[in-house]
Structures are given as C-alpha cells and as structure tokens.
Protein backbone atom coordinates (compact mmCIF):
# COMPACT_ATOMS: atom_id res chain seq x y z
CA MET A 1 -12.15 66.73 75.95
CA ILE A 2 -15.77 67.50 76.22
CA TYR A 3 -16.82 71.02 75.63
CA ARG A 4 -20.24 72.57 76.50
CA ARG A 5 -21.91 75.71 75.74
CA THR A 6 -22.14 78.25 78.70
CA GLY A 7 -25.85 79.20 78.81
CA ARG A 8 -27.06 81.10 75.84
CA SER A 9 -23.71 82.51 74.92
CA GLY A 10 -21.27 81.70 72.14
CA LEU A 11 -18.64 80.47 74.77
CA LEU A 12 -17.72 76.82 75.04
CA LEU A 13 -15.91 75.52 78.21
CA PRO A 14 -14.14 72.32 78.94
CA GLY A 15 -16.43 70.03 80.87
CA ILE A 16 -13.56 70.11 83.59
CA SER A 17 -11.86 73.44 84.39
CA VAL A 18 -8.68 73.88 86.71
CA GLY A 19 -8.86 76.19 89.65
CA LEU A 20 -5.75 77.88 91.33
CA TRP A 21 -7.41 78.53 94.67
CA GLN A 22 -4.69 76.46 96.71
CA ARG A 23 -1.23 75.30 96.19
CA PHE A 24 -0.35 77.77 93.34
CA GLY A 25 0.95 80.66 95.59
CA GLY A 26 4.29 81.51 96.89
CA GLU A 27 7.09 83.29 95.46
CA SER A 28 7.02 81.55 91.98
CA PRO A 29 5.44 78.61 90.46
CA SER A 30 6.86 75.24 91.50
CA ASP A 31 7.92 72.64 88.62
CA GLU A 32 4.74 70.91 89.82
CA ASN A 33 2.45 73.69 89.17
CA ARG A 34 4.10 74.41 85.69
CA ALA A 35 3.59 70.45 84.90
CA ILE A 36 -0.20 70.50 86.03
CA ILE A 37 -1.00 73.69 83.84
CA ARG A 38 0.96 72.34 80.70
CA ARG A 39 -0.59 68.92 80.91
CA ALA A 40 -3.98 70.40 81.52
CA PHE A 41 -3.83 72.38 78.38
CA GLU A 42 -2.17 69.44 76.39
CA LEU A 43 -5.47 67.56 77.45
CA GLY A 44 -7.82 70.10 76.23
CA VAL A 45 -8.55 72.19 79.45
CA THR A 46 -9.03 75.56 78.32
CA HIS A 47 -10.14 77.27 81.28
CA PHE A 48 -8.20 78.36 84.18
CA ASP A 49 -10.12 79.86 87.11
CA LEU A 50 -8.56 82.58 89.60
CA ALA A 51 -9.58 85.28 92.20
CA ASN A 52 -7.55 88.33 93.49
CA ASN A 53 -6.68 86.63 96.73
CA TYR A 54 -5.98 83.22 95.74
CA GLY A 55 -2.39 82.09 97.23
CA PRO A 56 -1.22 82.39 99.73
CA PRO A 57 -0.19 85.35 99.86
CA TYR A 58 -2.99 86.85 98.39
CA GLY A 59 -2.74 87.60 94.68
CA SER A 60 0.42 85.39 94.47
CA ALA A 61 -1.54 82.61 92.26
CA GLU A 62 -2.33 85.40 89.76
CA THR A 63 1.24 86.61 89.63
CA ASN A 64 2.64 82.86 89.23
CA PHE A 65 0.00 82.22 86.35
CA GLY A 66 0.81 85.39 84.61
CA LYS A 67 4.51 84.04 84.66
CA MET A 68 3.12 80.81 83.46
CA LEU A 69 1.34 82.64 80.53
CA ARG A 70 4.52 83.88 79.46
CA THR A 71 6.57 80.92 79.50
CA ASP A 72 4.67 77.46 79.45
CA LEU A 73 1.63 78.80 77.83
CA ALA A 74 3.46 81.41 75.78
CA GLY A 75 1.67 82.22 72.25
CA HIS A 76 -1.77 80.51 73.67
CA ARG A 77 -3.69 83.37 75.09
CA ASP A 78 -6.17 83.28 72.59
CA GLU A 79 -6.91 79.62 73.03
CA LEU A 80 -7.52 80.32 76.70
CA VAL A 81 -10.37 81.29 78.89
CA ILE A 82 -8.88 83.02 82.08
CA SER A 83 -11.26 84.14 84.78
CA THR A 84 -10.89 85.88 87.99
CA LYS A 85 -12.97 87.52 91.05
CA ALA A 86 -13.15 90.05 93.51
CA GLY A 87 -15.72 90.11 96.40
CA TRP A 88 -13.49 88.90 99.46
CA ASP A 89 -11.10 90.36 101.73
CA MET A 90 -7.90 91.69 99.42
CA TRP A 91 -6.25 94.24 101.10
CA PRO A 92 -6.48 96.31 104.39
CA GLY A 93 -9.12 99.16 105.07
CA PRO A 94 -12.79 99.89 103.72
CA TYR A 95 -12.07 99.71 100.07
CA GLY A 96 -10.49 96.01 99.70
CA ASP A 97 -13.70 94.03 100.38
CA TRP A 98 -17.15 93.19 99.51
CA GLY A 99 -18.82 94.77 96.32
CA SER A 100 -18.55 98.53 96.05
CA ARG A 101 -17.40 99.80 92.44
CA LYS A 102 -14.02 101.26 93.84
CA TYR A 103 -13.09 98.00 95.13
CA LEU A 104 -14.11 95.77 92.07
CA LEU A 105 -12.59 98.17 89.39
CA ALA A 106 -9.41 98.52 91.28
CA SER A 107 -9.23 95.09 92.06
CA LEU A 108 -9.59 94.05 88.39
CA ASP A 109 -6.91 96.59 87.28
CA ALA A 110 -4.55 95.04 89.69
CA SER A 111 -5.47 91.41 88.81
CA LEU A 112 -4.51 92.07 85.09
CA ALA A 113 -1.51 93.68 86.09
CA ARG A 114 -0.39 90.71 88.26
CA MET A 115 -1.11 88.39 85.36
CA GLY A 116 0.35 90.80 82.74
CA ILE A 117 -2.59 90.85 80.60
CA ASP A 118 -4.96 93.41 79.03
CA TYR A 119 -8.34 91.58 79.77
CA VAL A 120 -9.83 88.50 81.57
CA ASP A 121 -12.31 86.31 79.81
CA ILE A 122 -14.59 86.35 82.68
CA PHE A 123 -14.65 88.49 85.69
CA TYR A 124 -16.82 87.50 88.65
CA HIS A 125 -18.30 89.20 91.81
CA HIS A 126 -17.14 86.47 94.02
CA ARG A 127 -19.96 86.74 96.99
CA PRO A 128 -23.32 88.73 97.29
CA ASP A 129 -22.66 91.93 99.47
CA PRO A 130 -25.58 92.74 101.78
CA GLU A 131 -24.70 96.48 102.19
CA THR A 132 -23.76 97.71 98.90
CA PRO A 133 -26.67 98.38 96.17
CA LEU A 134 -26.88 95.45 93.70
CA GLU A 135 -27.12 98.25 91.02
CA GLU A 136 -23.48 99.46 92.02
CA THR A 137 -22.19 96.11 91.91
CA MET A 138 -23.61 94.98 88.76
CA GLY A 139 -22.67 98.46 87.17
CA ALA A 140 -19.18 97.88 88.03
CA LEU A 141 -19.19 94.59 86.22
CA ALA A 142 -20.66 96.19 83.08
CA THR A 143 -17.94 98.91 83.19
CA ALA A 144 -15.58 96.18 83.24
CA VAL A 145 -16.96 94.89 79.93
CA HIS A 146 -17.36 98.43 78.45
CA GLN A 147 -13.86 99.16 79.08
CA GLY A 148 -12.59 95.99 77.49
CA LYS A 149 -10.94 94.64 80.57
CA ALA A 150 -13.29 91.56 80.78
CA LEU A 151 -15.02 90.03 77.83
CA TYR A 152 -17.88 88.32 80.07
CA VAL A 153 -19.05 88.99 83.72
CA GLY A 154 -20.23 86.35 86.21
CA ILE A 155 -21.65 86.11 89.78
CA SER A 156 -20.75 83.46 92.33
CA GLN A 157 -22.72 82.10 95.24
CA TYR A 158 -25.63 84.19 94.68
CA PRO A 159 -29.11 82.79 95.95
CA PRO A 160 -31.80 82.33 93.37
CA ASP A 161 -33.68 85.27 93.78
CA GLY A 162 -30.37 87.57 93.76
CA THR A 163 -29.40 85.86 90.86
CA ARG A 164 -32.51 87.11 89.32
CA LYS A 165 -32.07 90.40 90.02
CA ALA A 166 -28.61 90.66 89.25
CA ALA A 167 -29.30 89.65 85.39
CA ALA A 168 -32.18 91.96 85.26
CA ILE A 169 -29.91 94.91 86.11
CA LEU A 170 -26.98 93.67 83.67
CA GLU A 171 -29.40 93.24 81.07
CA ARG A 172 -30.41 96.64 81.37
CA LEU A 173 -27.05 97.84 81.21
CA GLY A 174 -26.75 95.84 77.77
CA ILE A 175 -24.85 92.87 79.47
CA HIS A 176 -25.87 89.34 79.35
CA PRO A 177 -24.47 87.61 82.55
CA LEU A 178 -22.62 84.54 81.38
CA ILE A 179 -22.20 82.54 84.06
CA HIS A 180 -22.90 81.72 88.11
CA GLN A 181 -20.41 79.82 90.20
CA PRO A 182 -21.94 77.97 93.18
CA VAL A 183 -20.38 75.38 95.35
CA TYR A 184 -22.14 72.14 94.29
CA SER A 185 -21.43 68.60 94.94
CA MET A 186 -23.04 65.37 96.15
CA LEU A 187 -22.60 66.54 99.84
CA ASN A 188 -23.95 70.12 99.01
CA ARG A 189 -27.02 70.27 96.67
CA TRP A 190 -28.27 73.74 97.65
CA VAL A 191 -28.42 74.66 93.77
CA GLU A 192 -31.09 72.15 92.71
CA PRO A 193 -34.21 73.26 94.28
CA GLU A 194 -34.38 76.58 92.59
CA LEU A 195 -31.04 78.07 91.34
CA LEU A 196 -30.47 75.62 88.47
CA ASP A 197 -33.98 76.60 87.15
CA ALA A 198 -33.41 79.81 87.47
CA LEU A 199 -30.03 79.83 85.44
CA ASP A 200 -31.69 77.68 82.83
CA GLU A 201 -34.65 80.23 82.33
CA LEU A 202 -32.15 83.15 82.20
CA GLY A 203 -29.78 81.50 79.84
CA VAL A 204 -26.70 81.84 82.30
CA GLY A 205 -24.24 78.72 82.61
CA CYS A 206 -23.42 76.99 85.61
CA ILE A 207 -19.82 75.94 86.72
CA ALA A 208 -19.50 74.07 89.89
CA PHE A 209 -16.72 74.79 92.55
CA SER A 210 -15.85 72.32 95.18
CA PRO A 211 -17.40 69.38 93.20
CA LEU A 212 -15.37 67.02 95.12
CA ALA A 213 -16.29 68.44 98.74
CA GLN A 214 -12.89 69.96 99.43
CA GLY A 215 -11.48 66.49 98.89
CA MET A 216 -13.97 64.39 101.02
CA LEU A 217 -15.31 62.85 97.77
CA THR A 218 -11.99 61.36 97.26
CA ASP A 219 -10.42 58.26 98.37
CA ARG A 220 -8.29 60.36 100.92
CA TYR A 221 -10.57 60.19 103.84
CA LEU A 222 -12.19 56.61 103.69
CA GLN A 223 -10.22 55.50 106.95
CA GLY A 224 -10.86 58.88 108.55
CA VAL A 225 -8.51 61.94 108.81
CA PRO A 226 -4.89 61.18 107.67
CA ALA A 227 -2.14 63.30 108.97
CA GLY A 228 -1.00 66.37 106.91
CA SER A 229 -4.54 66.29 104.92
CA ARG A 230 -6.09 69.45 104.12
CA ALA A 231 -8.63 68.86 106.83
CA THR A 232 -5.84 69.13 109.63
CA GLN A 233 -4.41 72.46 108.17
CA GLY A 234 -6.92 74.98 108.97
CA TYR A 235 -8.33 75.58 105.63
CA SER A 236 -12.12 75.43 104.86
CA LEU A 237 -12.09 71.56 105.86
CA ASN A 238 -11.94 70.46 109.37
CA PRO A 239 -11.69 66.98 110.90
CA ASP A 240 -15.35 67.23 112.20
CA THR A 241 -16.83 67.75 108.93
CA VAL A 242 -14.84 64.76 107.45
CA THR A 243 -16.19 62.50 110.51
CA GLN A 244 -19.73 63.66 110.05
CA ASN A 245 -19.82 62.62 106.24
CA LEU A 246 -17.73 59.59 106.40
CA GLU A 247 -20.55 57.17 106.42
CA ARG A 248 -21.93 58.45 103.72
CA VAL A 249 -18.75 59.15 101.55
CA ARG A 250 -18.18 55.44 102.19
CA ALA A 251 -21.52 54.32 100.64
CA LEU A 252 -20.77 56.52 97.67
CA HIS A 253 -17.44 54.86 97.23
CA ALA A 254 -18.92 51.38 96.91
CA ILE A 255 -21.16 52.81 94.27
CA ALA A 256 -18.05 54.31 92.56
CA GLU A 257 -16.34 50.95 92.47
CA ARG A 258 -19.20 49.24 91.12
CA ARG A 259 -19.40 51.56 88.20
CA GLY A 260 -15.45 51.16 87.75
CA GLN A 261 -14.53 54.48 88.84
CA LYS A 262 -12.65 56.27 91.44
CA LEU A 263 -14.93 58.14 93.80
CA SER A 264 -13.48 61.42 92.58
CA GLN A 265 -14.54 60.68 89.03
CA MET A 266 -18.12 59.46 89.88
CA ALA A 267 -18.32 62.60 91.80
CA LEU A 268 -17.31 64.73 88.76
CA ALA A 269 -19.59 62.79 86.54
CA TRP A 270 -22.43 63.13 88.98
CA VAL A 271 -22.18 66.96 88.98
CA LEU A 272 -21.90 67.03 85.07
CA ARG A 273 -24.93 64.68 84.73
CA ASP A 274 -27.29 67.90 84.54
CA LYS A 275 -26.69 69.54 81.46
CA ARG A 276 -27.31 72.82 82.96
CA VAL A 277 -24.03 72.47 84.61
CA THR A 278 -21.41 73.70 82.08
CA SER A 279 -18.28 72.84 83.84
CA ALA A 280 -16.67 71.78 87.12
CA ILE A 281 -13.81 73.36 88.53
CA VAL A 282 -10.85 70.99 90.13
CA GLY A 283 -7.96 72.01 92.22
CA VAL A 284 -4.96 69.47 91.87
CA SER A 285 -1.63 69.01 93.51
CA SER A 286 -0.20 66.75 90.85
CA VAL A 287 -0.20 65.59 87.27
CA THR A 288 -1.42 62.22 88.26
CA GLN A 289 -4.46 63.70 90.14
CA LEU A 290 -5.40 66.02 87.20
CA GLU A 291 -5.31 63.07 84.61
CA GLU A 292 -7.46 60.78 87.41
CA ASN A 293 -10.00 63.85 87.45
CA LEU A 294 -10.21 64.08 83.59
CA GLY A 295 -10.87 60.48 83.35
CA ALA A 296 -14.27 61.24 84.97
CA LEU A 297 -15.20 62.42 81.54
CA ASP A 298 -15.01 58.63 80.12
CA ASN A 299 -18.22 57.88 81.96
CA LEU A 300 -20.97 60.53 82.60
CA SER A 301 -23.92 58.36 82.45
CA PHE A 302 -25.86 57.03 85.71
CA ALA A 303 -28.38 54.18 85.65
CA PRO A 304 -31.66 55.53 87.26
CA ALA A 305 -31.11 52.90 89.90
CA GLU A 306 -27.55 54.58 90.51
CA LEU A 307 -29.05 57.89 90.91
CA ALA A 308 -31.88 56.83 93.31
CA GLU A 309 -29.27 55.10 95.46
CA ILE A 310 -27.04 58.28 95.55
CA ASP A 311 -30.23 60.58 96.41
CA ARG A 312 -30.90 57.90 99.17
CA ILE A 313 -27.34 58.32 100.72
CA THR A 314 -26.98 62.22 100.06
CA GLY A 315 -30.66 63.38 100.60
C-alpha cells in the first residue's frame, strides 16, 4: 500500500480508501461486506469513510461497521482511520439537516453510539449550508475536536472561496482543517481550476469521492446500460448520464487497454497522479472488485502524451 501525508499534518492515509456509501446498509453486515472489510485491511487499507445517513436505511452503515469493529477488526482500532459526516438529511424536522451546531453535534453523538466508539478520526461537514453562518458550522467542528469526539475535521464539496473562509475560521479557533472531500474524476474536473491550488496553499489534504464517476469509469457501461445496474436503480446515476458520456468512456477505455490496465484502475491512477490528492475513495461490492481497484496503485505514472489525450477526451 502507498500512504500519503494529508496536507500539513502528521496523518498518513492510504492511496485508496474504502467508502461505505452504498451496499453496507441493512439489518446486519453481509458475509460479503465482512469479507471486503477484512481483505481491505489485510491489503493495507486503513481508512474507512462513512456518513450519518449511509445505508439504506439511514445510519445502518455505521451500525454495521461498528459490528465489524467488534468482530472482524477487533483489537485494531488504533490502526484505523474512521471518518463520518453530517450535513445532509438525517432525521425529520428542522434539526436533522444542513449545518447548525445543534444538528452537527447531535449527529456526531449518534454516529459514535451507532459505531460503539469514543471518537472518530475525521468528522466532516458534508456540504455547504447557505443559511447557517459559517462561524456556527465551523465552531461546531472545533467543539467536536475540543470535546475529544473527533481528532481532525474536514469539509466536503465546499467551493474554493468557501474553503478559504472555513479554514480561516477554524484556524482562529485553534484547529487546522485536515482535509477536503470533493467529487473528482476524469468526467468531473471541477476542482482543478482553483480548489486544488487553494488546498495546497492552506496545507489541507484532498480525498476524492466518486473517482469512478458512479461506475461509469469501469467496464460496466461500455456497451450501454445493463439491466440491474446502478444507473437503473434510482441512485445518483441515471441512464441518460451514461448515454451522454458513453463515447468518452469508450475512448478512455482504449487508453487504459494500451496501458495494460482496467479502465477503473486508470481512472484511479489518474486522480492520484496529482500529489495534492491524498487518497481516492472507492465503494466496492465484492472482494474481487476491491482487489482490482487496489491494482491501480501498481501503475500511477502517465506519459505526457497520455495525459494530453485524456485532456482532449474529457476537456
């Protein structure tokens, strides 16, 4: 496993982290879920990324991960980095969404209870809140650290200007922001014009989510939208999006074949080509898929001509 330093901090994260956004919910962890977590840890994946509403149902991914902490990962808490988030819809009423102090701190307490742990390593605000003062939201994150319920804090999907403002507030409160989690892939390059430079200047790490563009940057959709795929199930990917990107995906697949990689492996390697990116989060449904994704770390280098061709296809 390759480990990279997270911004200007002492924390190292694996080049590839495992996210429990989908397929880890339900009443109890499946045998496949447990096998994925065990194999990931065996291969050096030390970081597992969650959020309060991961499931379905909401909260069940944290509950199931807590069960695995007490069984499959028993005795290894100090070897793990566990992150969770709050900021999207979690419970009914006005206090279970967005970025108020009440919501964030109550949500963190509930996340800790579901996982059966005393602290998380990283606690994120999951998305910017246009209505709550940023000082309140960042103050809640700082309180989580001061209370010992989070070792580090981060933000997700904040624009460059909002990132700078959030970092400045946290610094005034004696907390250095550890990390930013944006969506980033060859099909979504919004972080490149400004955000990556801002994070580098601030000494904040970057961990990319959806580096495989919800599965589009895999072999899954090369022939269109297969029955039963994620794009047909009403999640965050739909058939129209797949169809609109199909020509680009096929062109990228051809480059990956020339490199001797799967498209998914090249997509992960491409995100990690930039040293400002600390880690990439993958969601997997099998041990085989996990091992295939980790194989991306075997070849992270790109020839200038390859990068130029990718730019032409995705620009």
